Amino acid sequence: MLKQAGILAVVVFGLLFSIPFIYNASSVGLSSNASASPSLPGQDPAKKCVKDKDWMRHNHMTLIMHSREDAVRDGLRKPGHGIQGCRSCHPNRAEFCDSCHGYVGVKPECWNCHYYPEKEALALK
């Protein structure tokens, strides 16, 4: 009797433990957009980025952090390598930064200190 209760407890625990995994696996294709990666707006072809598109997509924070350390600690400021350089080609933060960061679920701390006005707001000044 005790052995059957132990087996039953393991089976019930296994079922309860697997419910969230089964639910997620079955709902991805039904109502979720989990497989679609965000599309970034195109860059002005006349302007060249500091690195190629694939490298920037995966390593841009390394570049920004390195640039920040050079500027803050060593006083070295390279034109076009900071957030201002990004803004010159990518003026819409919601379409450019926030869409990918929201997709991967990260909240960068850039905007705690930096202001990223939209292109229209800059034109009004």
PDB file of N, CA and C in Angstrom:
ATOM      1  N   MET A   1       0.816  -1.196   0.000  1.00  0.00           N
ATOM      2  CA  MET A   1       0.000   0.000   0.000  1.00  0.00           C
ATOM      3  C   MET A   1       0.860   1.260   0.000  1.00  0.00           C
ATOM      4  N   LEU A   2       1.889   1.269   0.836  1.00  0.00           N
ATOM      5  CA  LEU A   2       2.772   2.422   0.934  1.00  0.00           C
ATOM      6  C   LEU A   2       3.570   2.610  -0.356  1.00  0.00           C
ATOM      7  N   LYS A   3       3.940   1.495  -0.993  1.00  0.00           N
ATOM      8  CA  LYS A   3       4.698   1.564  -2.238  1.00  0.00           C
ATOM      9  C   LYS A   3       3.847   2.178  -3.348  1.00  0.00           C
ATOM     10  N   GLN A   4       2.563   1.811  -3.419  1.00  0.00           N
ATOM     11  CA  GLN A   4       1.662   2.365  -4.430  1.00  0.00           C
ATOM     12  C   GLN A   4       1.443   3.862  -4.209  1.00  0.00           C
ATOM     13  N   ALA A   5       1.350   4.285  -2.968  1.00  0.00           N
ATOM     14  CA  ALA A   5       1.171   5.704  -2.666  1.00  0.00           C
ATOM     15  C   ALA A   5       2.407   6.500  -3.097  1.00  0.00           C
ATOM     16  N   GLY A   6       3.581   5.925  -2.929  1.00  0.00           N
ATOM     17  CA  GLY A   6       4.823   6.593  -3.347  1.00  0.00           C
ATOM     18  C   GLY A   6       4.896   6.746  -4.851  1.00  0.00           C
ATOM     19  N   ILE A   7       4.505   5.687  -5.562  1.00  0.00           N
ATOM     20  CA  ILE A   7       4.499   5.740  -7.025  1.00  0.00           C
ATOM     21  C   ILE A   7       3.482   6.768  -7.504  1.00  0.00           C
ATOM     22  N   LEU A   8       2.310   6.772  -6.904  1.00  0.00           N
ATOM     23  CA  LEU A   8       1.275   7.738  -7.264  1.00  0.00           C
ATOM     24  C   LEU A   8       1.756   9.170  -7.002  1.00  0.00           C
ATOM     25  N   ALA A   9       2.430   9.389  -5.891  1.00  0.00           N
ATOM     26  CA  ALA A   9       2.941  10.725  -5.568  1.00  0.00           C
ATOM     27  C   ALA A   9       3.968  11.184  -6.601  1.00  0.00           C
ATOM     28  N   VAL A  10       4.843  10.283  -7.046  1.00  0.00           N
ATOM     29  CA  VAL A  10       5.849  10.630  -8.053  1.00  0.00           C
ATOM     30  C   VAL A  10       5.176  10.971  -9.381  1.00  0.00           C
ATOM     31  N   VAL A  11       4.173  10.199  -9.772  1.00  0.00           N
ATOM     32  CA  VAL A  11       3.458  10.452 -11.025  1.00  0.00           C
ATOM     33  C   VAL A  11       2.733  11.797 -10.966  1.00  0.00           C
ATOM     34  N   VAL A  12       2.037  12.074  -9.872  1.00  0.00           N
ATOM     35  CA  VAL A  12       1.321  13.345  -9.723  1.00  0.00           C
ATOM     36  C   VAL A  12       2.310  14.511  -9.738  1.00  0.00           C
ATOM     37  N   PHE A  13       3.422  14.367  -9.025  1.00  0.00           N
ATOM     38  CA  PHE A  13       4.439  15.416  -9.020  1.00  0.00           C
ATOM     39  C   PHE A  13       4.986  15.645 -10.428  1.00  0.00           C
ATOM     40  N   GLY A  14       5.258  14.572 -11.154  1.00  0.00           N
ATOM     41  CA  GLY A  14       5.768  14.693 -12.521  1.00  0.00           C
ATOM     42  C   GLY A  14       4.792  15.411 -13.431  1.00  0.00           C
ATOM     43  N   LEU A  15       3.512  15.084 -13.308  1.00  0.00           N
ATOM     44  CA  LEU A  15       2.499  15.759 -14.121  1.00  0.00           C
ATOM     45  C   LEU A  15       2.389  17.237 -13.767  1.00  0.00           C
ATOM     46  N   LEU A  16       2.335  17.543 -12.495  1.00  0.00           N
ATOM     47  CA  LEU A  16       2.238  18.940 -12.075  1.00  0.00           C
ATOM     48  C   LEU A  16       3.480  19.733 -12.478  1.00  0.00           C
ATOM     49  N   PHE A  17       4.636  19.113 -12.376  1.00  0.00           N
ATOM     50  CA  PHE A  17       5.884  19.775 -12.740  1.00  0.00           C
ATOM     51  C   PHE A  17       5.960  20.047 -14.238  1.00  0.00           C
ATOM     52  N   SER A  18       5.388  19.165 -15.055  1.00  0.00           N
ATOM     53  CA  SER A  18       5.508  19.307 -16.505  1.00  0.00           C
ATOM     54  C   SER A  18       4.427  20.183 -17.132  1.00  0.00           C
ATOM     55  N   ILE A  19       3.388  20.549 -16.403  1.00  0.00           N
ATOM     56  CA  ILE A  19       2.304  21.357 -16.974  1.00  0.00           C
ATOM     57  C   ILE A  19       2.807  22.665 -17.581  1.00  0.00           C
ATOM     58  N   PRO A  20       3.635  23.466 -16.914  1.00  0.00           N
ATOM     59  CA  PRO A  20       4.095  24.715 -17.538  1.00  0.00           C
ATOM     60  C   PRO A  20       4.889  24.487 -18.823  1.00  0.00           C
ATOM     61  N   PHE A  21       5.695  23.433 -18.859  1.00  0.00           N
ATOM     62  CA  PHE A  21       6.483  23.151 -20.048  1.00  0.00           C
ATOM     63  C   PHE A  21       5.595  22.725 -21.212  1.00  0.00           C
ATOM     64  N   ILE A  22       4.610  21.903 -20.937  1.00  0.00           N
ATOM     65  CA  ILE A  22       3.679  21.462 -21.977  1.00  0.00           C
ATOM     66  C   ILE A  22       2.867  22.649 -22.480  1.00  0.00           C
ATOM     67  N   TYR A  23       2.416  23.498 -21.575  1.00  0.00           N
ATOM     68  CA  TYR A  23       1.638  24.681 -21.956  1.00  0.00           C
ATOM     69  C   TYR A  23       2.459  25.597 -22.863  1.00  0.00           C
ATOM     70  N   ASN A  24       3.701  25.885 -22.490  1.00  0.00           N
ATOM     71  CA  ASN A  24       4.549  26.757 -23.305  1.00  0.00           C
ATOM     72  C   ASN A  24       4.846  26.143 -24.660  1.00  0.00           C
ATOM     73  N   ALA A  25       5.115  24.867 -24.697  1.00  0.00           N
ATOM     74  CA  ALA A  25       5.421  24.207 -25.963  1.00  0.00           C
ATOM     75  C   ALA A  25       4.223  24.213 -26.897  1.00  0.00           C
ATOM     76  N   SER A  26       3.021  24.072 -26.356  1.00  0.00           N
ATOM     77  CA  SER A  26       1.839  24.033 -27.212  1.00  0.00           C
ATOM     78  C   SER A  26       1.367  25.420 -27.612  1.00  0.00           C
ATOM     79  N   SER A  27       1.668  26.457 -26.827  1.00  0.00           N
ATOM     80  CA  SER A  27       1.143  27.783 -27.139  1.00  0.00           C
ATOM     81  C   SER A  27       2.060  28.608 -28.026  1.00  0.00           C
ATOM     82  N   VAL A  28       3.290  28.190 -28.259  1.00  0.00           N
ATOM     83  CA  VAL A  28       4.211  28.981 -29.073  1.00  0.00           C
ATOM     84  C   VAL A  28       3.681  29.152 -30.485  1.00  0.00           C
ATOM     85  N   GLY A  29       3.214  28.110 -31.098  1.00  0.00           N
ATOM     86  CA  GLY A  29       2.731  28.201 -32.462  1.00  0.00           C
ATOM     87  C   GLY A  29       1.321  28.740 -32.586  1.00  0.00           C
ATOM     88  N   LEU A  30       0.561  28.758 -31.518  1.00  0.00           N
ATOM     89  CA  LEU A  30      -0.840  29.144 -31.607  1.00  0.00           C
ATOM     90  C   LEU A  30      -1.064  30.650 -31.547  1.00  0.00           C
ATOM     91  N   SER A  31      -0.615  31.281 -30.480  1.00  0.00           N
ATOM     92  CA  SER A  31      -0.935  32.696 -30.330  1.00  0.00           C
ATOM     93  C   SER A  31       0.285  33.568 -30.132  1.00  0.00           C
ATOM     94  N   SER A  32       1.429  32.985 -30.076  1.00  0.00           N
ATOM     95  CA  SER A  32       2.632  33.749 -29.772  1.00  0.00           C
ATOM     96  C   SER A  32       3.356  34.161 -31.038  1.00  0.00           C
ATOM     97  N   ASN A  33       4.129  35.193 -30.917  1.00  0.00           N
ATOM     98  CA  ASN A  33       4.980  35.642 -32.006  1.00  0.00           C
ATOM     99  C   ASN A  33       6.435  35.405 -31.623  1.00  0.00           C
ATOM    100  N   ALA A  34       6.697  34.345 -30.880  1.00  0.00           N
ATOM    101  CA  ALA A  34       8.009  34.116 -30.287  1.00  0.00           C
ATOM    102  C   ALA A  34       9.100  33.842 -31.314  1.00  0.00           C
ATOM    103  N   SER A  35       8.767  33.321 -32.468  1.00  0.00           N
ATOM    104  CA  SER A  35       9.808  32.983 -33.422  1.00  0.00           C
ATOM    105  C   SER A  35      10.166  34.139 -34.343  1.00  0.00           C
ATOM    106  N   ALA A  36       9.352  35.164 -34.402  1.00  0.00           N
ATOM    107  CA  ALA A  36       9.616  36.281 -35.300  1.00  0.00           C
ATOM    108  C   ALA A  36      10.535  37.290 -34.623  1.00  0.00           C
ATOM    109  N   SER A  37      11.705  37.482 -35.192  1.00  0.00           N
ATOM    110  CA  SER A  37      12.620  38.463 -34.615  1.00  0.00           C
ATOM    111  C   SER A  37      12.213  39.856 -35.079  1.00  0.00           C
ATOM    112  N   PRO A  38      12.514  40.874 -34.289  1.00  0.00           N
ATOM    113  CA  PRO A  38      12.110  42.226 -34.669  1.00  0.00           C
ATOM    114  C   PRO A  38      12.865  42.694 -35.904  1.00  0.00           C
ATOM    115  N   SER A  39      12.200  43.479 -36.717  1.00  0.00           N
ATOM    116  CA  SER A  39      12.870  44.025 -37.894  1.00  0.00           C
ATOM    117  C   SER A  39      13.294  45.451 -37.582  1.00  0.00           C
ATOM    118  N   LEU A  40      14.526  45.745 -37.899  1.00  0.00           N
ATOM    119  CA  LEU A  40      15.051  47.081 -37.646  1.00  0.00           C
ATOM    120  C   LEU A  40      14.843  47.953 -38.866  1.00  0.00           C
ATOM    121  N   PRO A  41      14.562  49.228 -38.653  1.00  0.00           N
ATOM    122  CA  PRO A  41      14.428  50.132 -39.793  1.00  0.00           C
ATOM    123  C   PRO A  41      15.769  50.271 -40.503  1.00  0.00           C
ATOM    124  N   GLY A  42      15.711  50.498 -41.786  1.00  0.00           N
ATOM    125  CA  GLY A  42      16.933  50.604 -42.570  1.00  0.00           C
ATOM    126  C   GLY A  42      17.728  51.850 -42.245  1.00  0.00           C
ATOM    127  N   GLN A  43      19.009  51.738 -42.422  1.00  0.00           N
ATOM    128  CA  GLN A  43      19.918  52.851 -42.187  1.00  0.00           C
ATOM    129  C   GLN A  43      20.068  53.637 -43.476  1.00  0.00           C
ATOM    130  N   ASP A  44      20.374  54.903 -43.361  1.00  0.00           N
ATOM    131  CA  ASP A  44      20.648  55.747 -44.514  1.00  0.00           C
ATOM    132  C   ASP A  44      21.868  55.180 -45.239  1.00  0.00           C
ATOM    133  N   PRO A  45      21.720  54.783 -46.514  1.00  0.00           N
ATOM    134  CA  PRO A  45      22.845  54.156 -47.218  1.00  0.00           C
ATOM    135  C   PRO A  45      24.042  55.090 -47.396  1.00  0.00           C
ATOM    136  N   ALA A  46      23.821  56.392 -47.314  1.00  0.00           N
ATOM    137  CA  ALA A  46      24.930  57.335 -47.465  1.00  0.00           C
ATOM    138  C   ALA A  46      25.837  57.334 -46.238  1.00  0.00           C
ATOM    139  N   LYS A  47      25.325  56.893 -45.104  1.00  0.00           N
ATOM    140  CA  LYS A  47      26.110  56.886 -43.866  1.00  0.00           C
ATOM    141  C   LYS A  47      26.616  55.474 -43.588  1.00  0.00           C
ATOM    142  N   LYS A  48      27.840  55.377 -43.131  1.00  0.00           N
ATOM    143  CA  LYS A  48      28.435  54.078 -42.841  1.00  0.00           C
ATOM    144  C   LYS A  48      28.559  53.910 -41.335  1.00  0.00           C
ATOM    145  N   CYS A  49      28.149  52.756 -40.836  1.00  0.00           N
ATOM    146  CA  CYS A  49      28.255  52.446 -39.414  1.00  0.00           C
ATOM    147  C   CYS A  49      29.711  52.116 -39.081  1.00  0.00           C
ATOM    148  N   VAL A  50      30.050  52.186 -37.803  1.00  0.00           N
ATOM    149  CA  VAL A  50      31.430  51.917 -37.393  1.00  0.00           C
ATOM    150  C   VAL A  50      31.818  50.453 -37.578  1.00  0.00           C
ATOM    151  N   LYS A  51      30.855  49.553 -37.573  1.00  0.00           N
ATOM    152  CA  LYS A  51      31.083  48.117 -37.805  1.00  0.00           C
ATOM    153  C   LYS A  51      29.951  47.601 -38.695  1.00  0.00           C
ATOM    154  N   ASP A  52      30.106  46.384 -39.209  1.00  0.00           N
ATOM    155  CA  ASP A  52      29.053  45.832 -40.064  1.00  0.00           C
ATOM    156  C   ASP A  52      27.821  45.437 -39.241  1.00  0.00           C
ATOM    157  N   LYS A  53      26.707  45.255 -39.934  1.00  0.00           N
ATOM    158  CA  LYS A  53      25.397  45.044 -39.302  1.00  0.00           C
ATOM    159  C   LYS A  53      25.371  43.831 -38.371  1.00  0.00           C
ATOM    160  N   ASP A  54      25.890  42.698 -38.820  1.00  0.00           N
ATOM    161  CA  ASP A  54      25.857  41.490 -37.984  1.00  0.00           C
ATOM    162  C   ASP A  54      26.689  41.657 -36.717  1.00  0.00           C
ATOM    163  N   TRP A  55      27.862  42.267 -36.859  1.00  0.00           N
ATOM    164  CA  TRP A  55      28.698  42.489 -35.682  1.00  0.00           C
ATOM    165  C   TRP A  55      27.988  43.408 -34.696  1.00  0.00           C
ATOM    166  N   MET A  56      27.403  44.478 -35.191  1.00  0.00           N
ATOM    167  CA  MET A  56      26.719  45.442 -34.324  1.00  0.00           C
ATOM    168  C   MET A  56      25.525  44.804 -33.625  1.00  0.00           C
ATOM    169  N   ARG A  57      24.812  43.953 -34.318  1.00  0.00           N
ATOM    170  CA  ARG A  57      23.641  43.317 -33.715  1.00  0.00           C
ATOM    171  C   ARG A  57      24.013  42.507 -32.476  1.00  0.00           C
ATOM    172  N   HIS A  58      25.156  41.870 -32.504  1.00  0.00           N
ATOM    173  CA  HIS A  58      25.553  41.000 -31.397  1.00  0.00           C
ATOM    174  C   HIS A  58      26.515  41.645 -30.401  1.00  0.00           C
ATOM    175  N   ASN A  59      27.259  42.666 -30.810  1.00  0.00           N
ATOM    176  CA  ASN A  59      28.334  43.194 -29.965  1.00  0.00           C
ATOM    177  C   ASN A  59      28.255  44.689 -29.697  1.00  0.00           C
ATOM    178  N   HIS A  60      27.145  45.338 -30.009  1.00  0.00           N
ATOM    179  CA  HIS A  60      27.108  46.796 -29.874  1.00  0.00           C
ATOM    180  C   HIS A  60      27.333  47.265 -28.441  1.00  0.00           C
ATOM    181  N   MET A  61      26.880  46.503 -27.459  1.00  0.00           N
ATOM    182  CA  MET A  61      27.082  46.928 -26.073  1.00  0.00           C
ATOM    183  C   MET A  61      28.562  46.887 -25.692  1.00  0.00           C
ATOM    184  N   THR A  62      29.315  45.956 -26.247  1.00  0.00           N
ATOM    185  CA  THR A  62      30.756  45.923 -25.994  1.00  0.00           C
ATOM    186  C   THR A  62      31.398  47.200 -26.514  1.00  0.00           C
ATOM    187  N   LEU A  63      31.002  47.607 -27.708  1.00  0.00           N
ATOM    188  CA  LEU A  63      31.536  48.829 -28.301  1.00  0.00           C
ATOM    189  C   LEU A  63      31.142  50.057 -27.482  1.00  0.00           C
ATOM    190  N   ILE A  64      29.881  50.128 -27.073  1.00  0.00           N
ATOM    191  CA  ILE A  64      29.407  51.274 -26.296  1.00  0.00           C
ATOM    192  C   ILE A  64      30.088  51.318 -24.933  1.00  0.00           C
ATOM    193  N   MET A  65      30.212  50.176 -24.277  1.00  0.00           N
ATOM    194  CA  MET A  65      30.855  50.150 -22.963  1.00  0.00           C
ATOM    195  C   MET A  65      32.338  50.522 -23.063  1.00  0.00           C
ATOM    196  N   HIS A  66      33.012  50.028 -24.089  1.00  0.00           N
ATOM    197  CA  HIS A  66      34.422  50.365 -24.282  1.00  0.00           C
ATOM    198  C   HIS A  66      34.564  51.862 -24.554  1.00  0.00           C
ATOM    199  N   SER A  67      33.689  52.405 -25.383  1.00  0.00           N
ATOM    200  CA  SER A  67      33.706  53.832 -25.683  1.00  0.00           C
ATOM    201  C   SER A  67      33.433  54.649 -24.426  1.00  0.00           C
ATOM    202  N   ARG A  68      32.510  54.175 -23.600  1.00  0.00           N
ATOM    203  CA  ARG A  68      32.191  54.874 -22.353  1.00  0.00           C
ATOM    204  C   ARG A  68      33.402  54.906 -21.424  1.00  0.00           C
ATOM    205  N   GLU A  69      34.065  53.773 -21.284  1.00  0.00           N
ATOM    206  CA  GLU A  69      35.237  53.723 -20.409  1.00  0.00           C
ATOM    207  C   GLU A  69      36.360  54.614 -20.933  1.00  0.00           C
ATOM    208  N   ASP A  70      36.565  54.622 -22.253  1.00  0.00           N
ATOM    209  CA  ASP A  70      37.581  55.506 -22.828  1.00  0.00           C
ATOM    210  C   ASP A  70      37.251  56.970 -22.562  1.00  0.00           C
ATOM    211  N   ALA A  71      35.979  57.332 -22.723  1.00  0.00           N
ATOM    212  CA  ALA A  71      35.577  58.732 -22.559  1.00  0.00           C
ATOM    213  C   ALA A  71      35.600  59.163 -21.100  1.00  0.00           C
ATOM    214  N   VAL A  72      35.044  58.347 -20.221  1.00  0.00           N
ATOM    215  CA  VAL A  72      34.913  58.741 -18.820  1.00  0.00           C
ATOM    216  C   VAL A  72      36.245  58.633 -18.082  1.00  0.00           C
ATOM    217  N   ARG A  73      36.948  57.546 -18.263  1.00  0.00           N
ATOM    218  CA  ARG A  73      38.167  57.314 -17.478  1.00  0.00           C
ATOM    219  C   ARG A  73      39.413  57.940 -18.086  1.00  0.00           C
ATOM    220  N   ASP A  74      39.494  57.932 -19.423  1.00  0.00           N
ATOM    221  CA  ASP A  74      40.716  58.398 -20.071  1.00  0.00           C
ATOM    222  C   ASP A  74      40.547  59.723 -20.806  1.00  0.00           C
ATOM    223  N   GLY A  75      39.318  60.210 -20.926  1.00  0.00           N
ATOM    224  CA  GLY A  75      39.076  61.469 -21.627  1.00  0.00           C
ATOM    225  C   GLY A  75      39.200  61.364 -23.136  1.00  0.00           C
ATOM    226  N   LEU A  76      39.201  60.148 -23.680  1.00  0.00           N
ATOM    227  CA  LEU A  76      39.299  59.939 -25.130  1.00  0.00           C
ATOM    228  C   LEU A  76      37.896  59.857 -25.719  1.00  0.00           C
ATOM    229  N   ARG A  77      37.573  60.785 -26.570  1.00  0.00           N
ATOM    230  CA  ARG A  77      36.246  60.795 -27.196  1.00  0.00           C
ATOM    231  C   ARG A  77      36.413  60.629 -28.699  1.00  0.00           C
ATOM    232  N   LYS A  78      35.908  59.521 -29.212  1.00  0.00           N
ATOM    233  CA  LYS A  78      35.986  59.245 -30.644  1.00  0.00           C
ATOM    234  C   LYS A  78      34.663  59.660 -31.275  1.00  0.00           C
ATOM    235  N   PRO A  79      34.686  60.516 -32.272  1.00  0.00           N
ATOM    236  CA  PRO A  79      33.428  60.933 -32.906  1.00  0.00           C
ATOM    237  C   PRO A  79      32.705  59.744 -33.538  1.00  0.00           C
ATOM    238  N   GLY A  80      31.409  59.650 -33.287  1.00  0.00           N
ATOM    239  CA  GLY A  80      30.594  58.598 -33.886  1.00  0.00           C
ATOM    240  C   GLY A  80      30.588  57.287 -33.141  1.00  0.00           C
ATOM    241  N   HIS A  81      31.339  57.158 -32.052  1.00  0.00           N
ATOM    242  CA  HIS A  81      31.406  55.886 -31.337  1.00  0.00           C
ATOM    243  C   HIS A  81      30.532  55.847 -30.097  1.00  0.00           C
ATOM    244  N   GLY A  82      29.873  56.919 -29.752  1.00  0.00           N
ATOM    245  CA  GLY A  82      29.003  56.932 -28.587  1.00  0.00           C
ATOM    246  C   GLY A  82      27.545  56.868 -29.003  1.00  0.00           C
ATOM    247  N   ILE A  83      26.676  57.109 -28.057  1.00  0.00           N
ATOM    248  CA  ILE A  83      25.241  57.074 -28.338  1.00  0.00           C
ATOM    249  C   ILE A  83      24.848  58.165 -29.331  1.00  0.00           C
ATOM    250  N   GLN A  84      25.544  59.304 -29.296  1.00  0.00           N
ATOM    251  CA  GLN A  84      25.255  60.374 -30.257  1.00  0.00           C
ATOM    252  C   GLN A  84      25.505  59.899 -31.687  1.00  0.00           C
ATOM    253  N   GLY A  85      26.524  59.095 -31.884  1.00  0.00           N
ATOM    254  CA  GLY A  85      26.791  58.549 -33.211  1.00  0.00           C
ATOM    255  C   GLY A  85      25.686  57.618 -33.671  1.00  0.00           C
ATOM    256  N   CYS A  86      25.142  56.838 -32.756  1.00  0.00           N
ATOM    257  CA  CYS A  86      24.026  55.944 -33.096  1.00  0.00           C
ATOM    258  C   CYS A  86      22.800  56.764 -33.487  1.00  0.00           C
ATOM    259  N   ARG A  87      22.544  57.818 -32.722  1.00  0.00           N
ATOM    260  CA  ARG A  87      21.360  58.652 -32.956  1.00  0.00           C
ATOM    261  C   ARG A  87      21.389  59.344 -34.302  1.00  0.00           C
ATOM    262  N   SER A  88      22.575  59.636 -34.826  1.00  0.00           N
ATOM    263  CA  SER A  88      22.634  60.349 -36.099  1.00  0.00           C
ATOM    264  C   SER A  88      22.054  59.510 -37.240  1.00  0.00           C
ATOM    265  N   CYS A  89      22.184  58.188 -37.163  1.00  0.00           N
ATOM    266  CA  CYS A  89      21.631  57.311 -38.203  1.00  0.00           C
ATOM    267  C   CYS A  89      20.320  56.649 -37.789  1.00  0.00           C
ATOM    268  N   HIS A  90      20.123  56.468 -36.500  1.00  0.00           N
ATOM    269  CA  HIS A  90      18.959  55.753 -35.981  1.00  0.00           C
ATOM    270  C   HIS A  90      18.222  56.656 -34.992  1.00  0.00           C
ATOM    271  N   PRO A  91      17.419  57.598 -35.489  1.00  0.00           N
ATOM    272  CA  PRO A  91      16.830  58.608 -34.604  1.00  0.00           C
ATOM    273  C   PRO A  91      15.654  58.129 -33.762  1.00  0.00           C
ATOM    274  N   ASN A  92      15.019  57.028 -34.125  1.00  0.00           N
ATOM    275  CA  ASN A  92      13.817  56.600 -33.416  1.00  0.00           C
ATOM    276  C   ASN A  92      14.166  55.488 -32.432  1.00  0.00           C
ATOM    277  N   ARG A  93      14.254  55.824 -31.169  1.00  0.00           N
ATOM    278  CA  ARG A  93      14.639  54.858 -30.136  1.00  0.00           C
ATOM    279  C   ARG A  93      13.643  53.706 -30.030  1.00  0.00           C
ATOM    280  N   ALA A  94      12.341  53.991 -30.154  1.00  0.00           N
ATOM    281  CA  ALA A  94      11.325  52.938 -30.017  1.00  0.00           C
ATOM    282  C   ALA A  94      11.481  51.878 -31.102  1.00  0.00           C
ATOM    283  N   GLU A  95      11.747  52.302 -32.330  1.00  0.00           N
ATOM    284  CA  GLU A  95      11.898  51.345 -33.429  1.00  0.00           C
ATOM    285  C   GLU A  95      13.270  50.681 -33.421  1.00  0.00           C
ATOM    286  N   PHE A  96      14.277  51.423 -33.022  1.00  0.00           N
ATOM    287  CA  PHE A  96      15.633  50.898 -33.161  1.00  0.00           C
ATOM    288  C   PHE A  96      16.112  50.164 -31.914  1.00  0.00           C
ATOM    289  N   CYS A  97      16.127  50.826 -30.779  1.00  0.00           N
ATOM    290  CA  CYS A  97      16.673  50.223 -29.550  1.00  0.00           C
ATOM    291  C   CYS A  97      15.647  49.342 -28.842  1.00  0.00           C
ATOM    292  N   ASP A  98      14.494  49.938 -28.556  1.00  0.00           N
ATOM    293  CA  ASP A  98      13.521  49.284 -27.683  1.00  0.00           C
ATOM    294  C   ASP A  98      12.925  48.018 -28.282  1.00  0.00           C
ATOM    295  N   SER A  99      12.795  47.948 -29.619  1.00  0.00           N
ATOM    296  CA  SER A  99      12.184  46.752 -30.209  1.00  0.00           C
ATOM    297  C   SER A  99      13.048  45.514 -29.971  1.00  0.00           C
ATOM    298  N   CYS A 100      14.343  45.617 -30.166  1.00  0.00           N
ATOM    299  CA  CYS A 100      15.219  44.456 -29.943  1.00  0.00           C
ATOM    300  C   CYS A 100      15.422  44.178 -28.461  1.00  0.00           C
ATOM    301  N   HIS A 101      15.609  45.234 -27.674  1.00  0.00           N
ATOM    302  CA  HIS A 101      15.829  45.017 -26.246  1.00  0.00           C
ATOM    303  C   HIS A 101      14.592  44.400 -25.602  1.00  0.00           C
ATOM    304  N   GLY A 102      13.408  44.802 -26.030  1.00  0.00           N
ATOM    305  CA  GLY A 102      12.188  44.182 -25.528  1.00  0.00           C
ATOM    306  C   GLY A 102      12.067  42.736 -25.967  1.00  0.00           C
ATOM    307  N   TYR A 103      12.487  42.447 -27.194  1.00  0.00           N
ATOM    308  CA  TYR A 103      12.417  41.086 -27.729  1.00  0.00           C
ATOM    309  C   TYR A 103      13.284  40.126 -26.922  1.00  0.00           C
ATOM    310  N   VAL A 104      14.486  40.560 -26.565  1.00  0.00           N
ATOM    311  CA  VAL A 104      15.385  39.685 -25.817  1.00  0.00           C
ATOM    312  C   VAL A 104      15.223  39.833 -24.312  1.00  0.00           C
ATOM    313  N   GLY A 105      14.406  40.784 -23.876  1.00  0.00           N
ATOM    314  CA  GLY A 105      14.090  40.919 -22.458  1.00  0.00           C
ATOM    315  C   GLY A 105      15.179  41.560 -21.621  1.00  0.00           C
ATOM    316  N   VAL A 106      15.880  42.537 -22.180  1.00  0.00           N
ATOM    317  CA  VAL A 106      16.896  43.251 -21.404  1.00  0.00           C
ATOM    318  C   VAL A 106      16.488  44.708 -21.245  1.00  0.00           C
ATOM    319  N   LYS A 107      16.936  45.301 -20.173  1.00  0.00           N
ATOM    320  CA  LYS A 107      16.682  46.717 -19.910  1.00  0.00           C
ATOM    321  C   LYS A 107      18.025  47.402 -19.704  1.00  0.00           C
ATOM    322  N   PRO A 108      18.596  47.952 -20.788  1.00  0.00           N
ATOM    323  CA  PRO A 108      19.895  48.599 -20.644  1.00  0.00           C
ATOM    324  C   PRO A 108      19.790  49.850 -19.773  1.00  0.00           C
ATOM    325  N   GLU A 109      20.874  50.154 -19.095  1.00  0.00           N
ATOM    326  CA  GLU A 109      20.890  51.295 -18.189  1.00  0.00           C
ATOM    327  C   GLU A 109      21.294  52.593 -18.885  1.00  0.00           C
ATOM    328  N   CYS A 110      21.400  52.582 -20.202  1.00  0.00           N
ATOM    329  CA  CYS A 110      21.819  53.778 -20.936  1.00  0.00           C
ATOM    330  C   CYS A 110      20.910  54.961 -20.629  1.00  0.00           C
ATOM    331  N   TRP A 111      19.612  54.688 -20.583  1.00  0.00           N
ATOM    332  CA  TRP A 111      18.629  55.778 -20.504  1.00  0.00           C
ATOM    333  C   TRP A 111      18.442  56.283 -19.083  1.00  0.00           C
ATOM    334  N   ASN A 112      19.144  55.703 -18.123  1.00  0.00           N
ATOM    335  CA  ASN A 112      19.120  56.268 -16.776  1.00  0.00           C
ATOM    336  C   ASN A 112      19.841  57.614 -16.761  1.00  0.00           C
ATOM    337  N   CYS A 113      20.845  57.757 -17.619  1.00  0.00           N
ATOM    338  CA  CYS A 113      21.620  59.004 -17.669  1.00  0.00           C
ATOM    339  C   CYS A 113      21.462  59.747 -18.993  1.00  0.00           C
ATOM    340  N   HIS A 114      21.338  59.008 -20.090  1.00  0.00           N
ATOM    341  CA  HIS A 114      21.304  59.632 -21.412  1.00  0.00           C
ATOM    342  C   HIS A 114      19.880  59.918 -21.856  1.00  0.00           C
ATOM    343  N   TYR A 115      19.736  61.016 -22.567  1.00  0.00           N
ATOM    344  CA  TYR A 115      18.448  61.421 -23.130  1.00  0.00           C
ATOM    345  C   TYR A 115      18.493  61.135 -24.620  1.00  0.00           C
ATOM    346  N   TYR A 116      17.454  60.540 -25.158  1.00  0.00           N
ATOM    347  CA  TYR A 116      17.405  60.149 -26.566  1.00  0.00           C
ATOM    348  C   TYR A 116      16.168  60.781 -27.191  1.00  0.00           C
ATOM    349  N   PRO A 117      16.217  62.080 -27.511  1.00  0.00           N
ATOM    350  CA  PRO A 117      15.032  62.711 -28.091  1.00  0.00           C
ATOM    351  C   PRO A 117      14.762  62.169 -29.489  1.00  0.00           C
ATOM    352  N   GLU A 118      13.497  62.142 -29.844  1.00  0.00           N
ATOM    353  CA  GLU A 118      13.126  61.672 -31.177  1.00  0.00           C
ATOM    354  C   GLU A 118      13.513  62.721 -32.217  1.00  0.00           C
ATOM    355  N   LYS A 119      13.579  62.315 -33.469  1.00  0.00           N
ATOM    356  CA  LYS A 119      13.993  63.199 -34.555  1.00  0.00           C
ATOM    357  C   LYS A 119      13.080  64.423 -34.649  1.00  0.00           C
ATOM    358  N   GLU A 120      11.769  64.219 -34.466  1.00  0.00           N
ATOM    359  CA  GLU A 120      10.823  65.323 -34.566  1.00  0.00           C
ATOM    360  C   GLU A 120      11.086  66.355 -33.470  1.00  0.00           C
ATOM    361  N   ALA A 121      11.419  65.888 -32.271  1.00  0.00           N
ATOM    362  CA  ALA A 121      11.699  66.808 -31.167  1.00  0.00           C
ATOM    363  C   ALA A 121      12.963  67.610 -31.449  1.00  0.00           C
ATOM    364  N   LEU A 122      13.936  66.996 -32.089  1.00  0.00           N
ATOM    365  CA  LEU A 122      15.160  67.708 -32.433  1.00  0.00           C
ATOM    366  C   LEU A 122      14.896  68.765 -33.492  1.00  0.00           C
ATOM    367  N   ALA A 123      13.977  68.480 -34.425  1.00  0.00           N
ATOM    368  CA  ALA A 123      13.669  69.424 -35.494  1.00  0.00           C
ATOM    369  C   ALA A 123      12.952  70.659 -34.961  1.00  0.00           C
ATOM    370  N   LEU A 124      12.217  70.521 -33.861  1.00  0.00           N
ATOM    371  CA  LEU A 124      11.482  71.649 -33.301  1.00  0.00           C
ATOM    372  C   LEU A 124      12.397  72.647 -32.606  1.00  0.00           C
ATOM    373  N   LYS A 125      13.572  72.218 -32.219  1.00  0.00           N
ATOM    374  CA  LYS A 125      14.487  73.110 -31.486  1.00  0.00           C
ATOM    375  C   LYS A 125      15.146  74.106 -32.390  1.00  0.00           C
TER     376      LYS A 125
END
